[in-house]
Amino acid sequence: MRQFSLTEAKARLSELLDIVESGEDVLILRHGKPVARMARERERSAAMEARRQAALEGLRQFPRAELEPGETIKDLIDEGRT
């Protein structure tokens, strides 16, 4: 993985994109500390997208907790219920 300072990354963005397109990750540093990573975007297959949509729909169908007036989710957690 190649590393670039923020200043370098700003000045050489097109070059960094070329590096990432070729399959190599790029780490961007600010004051010598990592702050961002650039990686090639993965294409989603139709099957993967269908699984993602099914998972989201499953979450939407998940029953919501019934709370008593004035009761909070934190109260339920503190009691050991979920």
N, C-alpha and C. Protein backbone atom coordinates (compact mmCIF):
# COMPACT_ATOMS: atom_id res chain seq x y z
N MET A 1 0.86 -1.17 0.00
CA MET A 1 0.00 0.00 0.00
C MET A 1 0.90 1.23 0.00
N ARG A 2 0.59 2.13 -0.91
CA ARG A 2 1.39 3.36 -0.98
C ARG A 2 0.77 4.41 -0.08
N GLN A 3 1.62 5.28 0.43
CA GLN A 3 1.18 6.32 1.36
C GLN A 3 1.52 7.70 0.79
N PHE A 4 0.59 8.63 1.02
CA PHE A 4 0.78 10.00 0.56
C PHE A 4 0.30 10.95 1.64
N SER A 5 1.00 12.07 1.76
CA SER A 5 0.53 13.10 2.69
C SER A 5 -0.72 13.74 2.08
N LEU A 6 -1.50 14.41 2.91
CA LEU A 6 -2.70 15.07 2.43
C LEU A 6 -2.37 16.08 1.34
N THR A 7 -1.30 16.82 1.52
CA THR A 7 -0.89 17.82 0.52
C THR A 7 -0.58 17.15 -0.82
N GLU A 8 0.17 16.04 -0.76
CA GLU A 8 0.48 15.30 -1.99
C GLU A 8 -0.79 14.75 -2.63
N ALA A 9 -1.67 14.21 -1.82
CA ALA A 9 -2.90 13.61 -2.34
C ALA A 9 -3.75 14.65 -3.06
N LYS A 10 -3.84 15.85 -2.48
CA LYS A 10 -4.61 16.91 -3.12
C LYS A 10 -4.00 17.30 -4.46
N ALA A 11 -2.68 17.35 -4.51
CA ALA A 11 -1.99 17.78 -5.73
C ALA A 11 -1.97 16.69 -6.79
N ARG A 12 -2.08 15.41 -6.38
CA ARG A 12 -1.90 14.30 -7.32
C ARG A 12 -3.11 13.37 -7.35
N LEU A 13 -4.30 13.91 -7.18
CA LEU A 13 -5.50 13.09 -7.08
C LEU A 13 -5.69 12.18 -8.29
N SER A 14 -5.51 12.71 -9.50
CA SER A 14 -5.69 11.88 -10.70
C SER A 14 -4.72 10.71 -10.69
N GLU A 15 -3.49 10.94 -10.29
CA GLU A 15 -2.50 9.86 -10.22
C GLU A 15 -2.90 8.82 -9.17
N LEU A 16 -3.41 9.29 -8.03
CA LEU A 16 -3.85 8.36 -7.00
C LEU A 16 -5.01 7.50 -7.50
N LEU A 17 -5.92 8.09 -8.24
CA LEU A 17 -7.02 7.32 -8.80
C LEU A 17 -6.51 6.27 -9.78
N ASP A 18 -5.50 6.61 -10.56
CA ASP A 18 -4.90 5.62 -11.47
C ASP A 18 -4.30 4.46 -10.68
N ILE A 19 -3.63 4.78 -9.59
CA ILE A 19 -3.03 3.74 -8.74
C ILE A 19 -4.11 2.82 -8.18
N VAL A 20 -5.19 3.42 -7.70
CA VAL A 20 -6.29 2.64 -7.13
C VAL A 20 -6.97 1.80 -8.21
N GLU A 21 -7.17 2.37 -9.40
CA GLU A 21 -7.77 1.61 -10.50
C GLU A 21 -6.95 0.39 -10.87
N SER A 22 -5.64 0.48 -10.68
CA SER A 22 -4.77 -0.65 -11.01
C SER A 22 -4.83 -1.74 -9.94
N GLY A 23 -5.55 -1.49 -8.84
CA GLY A 23 -5.75 -2.50 -7.81
C GLY A 23 -4.99 -2.28 -6.52
N GLU A 24 -4.19 -1.24 -6.44
CA GLU A 24 -3.42 -0.98 -5.22
C GLU A 24 -4.16 0.01 -4.33
N ASP A 25 -4.14 -0.23 -3.02
CA ASP A 25 -4.74 0.71 -2.06
C ASP A 25 -3.79 1.86 -1.79
N VAL A 26 -4.36 3.00 -1.44
CA VAL A 26 -3.58 4.20 -1.13
C VAL A 26 -4.00 4.69 0.26
N LEU A 27 -3.04 4.99 1.09
CA LEU A 27 -3.28 5.52 2.43
C LEU A 27 -2.92 6.99 2.43
N ILE A 28 -3.82 7.83 2.95
CA ILE A 28 -3.58 9.27 3.02
C ILE A 28 -3.31 9.64 4.47
N LEU A 29 -2.22 10.39 4.68
CA LEU A 29 -1.78 10.76 6.02
C LEU A 29 -1.94 12.26 6.25
N ARG A 30 -2.30 12.60 7.47
CA ARG A 30 -2.30 14.01 7.89
C ARG A 30 -1.37 14.10 9.09
N HIS A 31 -0.35 14.91 8.96
CA HIS A 31 0.66 15.04 10.01
C HIS A 31 1.24 13.68 10.39
N GLY A 32 1.41 12.82 9.36
CA GLY A 32 2.02 11.52 9.57
C GLY A 32 1.10 10.44 10.11
N LYS A 33 -0.17 10.77 10.34
CA LYS A 33 -1.12 9.79 10.88
C LYS A 33 -2.16 9.44 9.81
N PRO A 34 -2.49 8.16 9.68
CA PRO A 34 -3.49 7.75 8.68
C PRO A 34 -4.86 8.36 8.95
N VAL A 35 -5.46 8.92 7.90
CA VAL A 35 -6.81 9.50 8.05
C VAL A 35 -7.80 8.95 7.02
N ALA A 36 -7.29 8.39 5.92
CA ALA A 36 -8.20 7.88 4.89
C ALA A 36 -7.49 6.82 4.07
N ARG A 37 -8.30 5.92 3.53
CA ARG A 37 -7.78 4.88 2.66
C ARG A 37 -8.60 4.89 1.38
N MET A 38 -7.94 4.85 0.26
CA MET A 38 -8.61 4.76 -1.03
C MET A 38 -8.43 3.33 -1.53
N ALA A 39 -9.54 2.72 -1.95
CA ALA A 39 -9.50 1.36 -2.47
C ALA A 39 -10.45 1.28 -3.66
N ARG A 40 -10.16 0.36 -4.54
CA ARG A 40 -10.97 0.17 -5.74
C ARG A 40 -12.39 -0.23 -5.33
N GLU A 41 -13.36 0.36 -5.97
CA GLU A 41 -14.77 0.05 -5.73
C GLU A 41 -15.08 -1.31 -6.34
N ARG A 42 -15.71 -2.16 -5.54
CA ARG A 42 -16.09 -3.48 -6.04
C ARG A 42 -17.46 -3.40 -6.69
N GLU A 43 -17.59 -4.05 -7.82
CA GLU A 43 -18.89 -4.10 -8.48
C GLU A 43 -19.74 -5.16 -7.80
N ARG A 44 -21.01 -4.87 -7.64
CA ARG A 44 -21.93 -5.82 -7.02
C ARG A 44 -22.60 -6.65 -8.10
N SER A 45 -22.62 -7.92 -7.88
CA SER A 45 -23.33 -8.79 -8.82
C SER A 45 -24.83 -8.65 -8.57
N ALA A 46 -25.62 -9.09 -9.53
CA ALA A 46 -27.08 -9.03 -9.37
C ALA A 46 -27.51 -9.90 -8.20
N ALA A 47 -26.85 -11.06 -8.02
CA ALA A 47 -27.21 -11.95 -6.91
C ALA A 47 -26.89 -11.29 -5.57
N MET A 48 -25.75 -10.62 -5.48
CA MET A 48 -25.38 -9.95 -4.23
C MET A 48 -26.37 -8.82 -3.93
N GLU A 49 -26.76 -8.08 -4.94
CA GLU A 49 -27.71 -6.99 -4.74
C GLU A 49 -29.06 -7.53 -4.29
N ALA A 50 -29.49 -8.67 -4.86
CA ALA A 50 -30.76 -9.28 -4.46
C ALA A 50 -30.70 -9.72 -2.99
N ARG A 51 -29.58 -10.31 -2.56
CA ARG A 51 -29.42 -10.72 -1.16
C ARG A 51 -29.45 -9.51 -0.24
N ARG A 52 -28.80 -8.42 -0.66
CA ARG A 52 -28.78 -7.19 0.15
C ARG A 52 -30.19 -6.64 0.32
N GLN A 53 -30.94 -6.61 -0.78
CA GLN A 53 -32.32 -6.10 -0.73
C GLN A 53 -33.19 -6.99 0.16
N ALA A 54 -33.02 -8.32 0.06
CA ALA A 54 -33.80 -9.25 0.89
C ALA A 54 -33.47 -9.04 2.37
N ALA A 55 -32.19 -8.83 2.69
CA ALA A 55 -31.79 -8.59 4.08
C ALA A 55 -32.41 -7.30 4.61
N LEU A 56 -32.41 -6.26 3.81
CA LEU A 56 -33.02 -4.99 4.23
C LEU A 56 -34.52 -5.16 4.46
N GLU A 57 -35.17 -5.89 3.57
CA GLU A 57 -36.61 -6.11 3.73
C GLU A 57 -36.89 -6.91 5.01
N GLY A 58 -36.03 -7.90 5.30
CA GLY A 58 -36.17 -8.67 6.53
C GLY A 58 -36.06 -7.78 7.76
N LEU A 59 -35.13 -6.83 7.73
CA LEU A 59 -34.99 -5.90 8.85
C LEU A 59 -36.22 -5.01 9.00
N ARG A 60 -36.80 -4.62 7.88
CA ARG A 60 -38.00 -3.77 7.94
C ARG A 60 -39.18 -4.53 8.55
N GLN A 61 -39.22 -5.85 8.37
CA GLN A 61 -40.32 -6.66 8.89
C GLN A 61 -40.13 -7.05 10.35
N PHE A 62 -38.94 -6.80 10.90
CA PHE A 62 -38.64 -7.19 12.28
C PHE A 62 -39.57 -6.43 13.22
N PRO A 63 -40.21 -7.13 14.17
CA PRO A 63 -41.16 -6.44 15.04
C PRO A 63 -40.48 -5.41 15.94
N ARG A 64 -41.16 -4.33 16.14
CA ARG A 64 -40.64 -3.28 17.02
C ARG A 64 -41.00 -3.59 18.46
N ALA A 65 -40.16 -3.14 19.37
CA ALA A 65 -40.41 -3.36 20.80
C ALA A 65 -41.61 -2.51 21.23
N GLU A 66 -42.45 -3.10 22.06
CA GLU A 66 -43.59 -2.36 22.62
C GLU A 66 -43.14 -1.79 23.96
N LEU A 67 -43.15 -0.50 24.08
CA LEU A 67 -42.71 0.16 25.32
C LEU A 67 -43.91 0.70 26.09
N GLU A 68 -43.83 0.60 27.38
CA GLU A 68 -44.83 1.21 28.25
C GLU A 68 -44.61 2.72 28.23
N PRO A 69 -45.65 3.51 28.54
CA PRO A 69 -45.45 4.96 28.59
C PRO A 69 -44.32 5.32 29.56
N GLY A 70 -43.39 6.11 29.10
CA GLY A 70 -42.27 6.55 29.92
C GLY A 70 -41.11 5.58 29.96
N GLU A 71 -41.27 4.38 29.39
CA GLU A 71 -40.21 3.38 29.38
C GLU A 71 -39.29 3.63 28.17
N THR A 72 -38.02 3.36 28.37
CA THR A 72 -37.05 3.56 27.28
C THR A 72 -36.37 2.24 26.94
N ILE A 73 -35.75 2.19 25.81
CA ILE A 73 -34.97 1.01 25.41
C ILE A 73 -33.86 0.77 26.43
N LYS A 74 -33.28 1.82 26.95
CA LYS A 74 -32.23 1.68 27.96
C LYS A 74 -32.79 0.95 29.18
N ASP A 75 -34.03 1.25 29.57
CA ASP A 75 -34.64 0.54 30.69
C ASP A 75 -34.69 -0.96 30.42
N LEU A 76 -35.08 -1.34 29.20
CA LEU A 76 -35.15 -2.76 28.84
C LEU A 76 -33.77 -3.41 28.88
N ILE A 77 -32.78 -2.71 28.37
CA ILE A 77 -31.43 -3.25 28.38
C ILE A 77 -30.95 -3.43 29.81
N ASP A 78 -31.20 -2.42 30.64
CA ASP A 78 -30.77 -2.50 32.03
C ASP A 78 -31.43 -3.66 32.77
N GLU A 79 -32.63 -4.04 32.35
CA GLU A 79 -33.33 -5.17 32.96
C GLU A 79 -32.88 -6.49 32.37
N GLY A 80 -32.06 -6.46 31.33
CA GLY A 80 -31.58 -7.69 30.71
C GLY A 80 -32.49 -8.22 29.63
N ARG A 81 -33.48 -7.45 29.22
CA ARG A 81 -34.38 -7.86 28.13
C ARG A 81 -33.95 -7.15 26.85
N THR A 82 -34.19 -7.77 25.73
CA THR A 82 -33.92 -7.13 24.44
C THR A 82 -35.13 -7.17 23.56
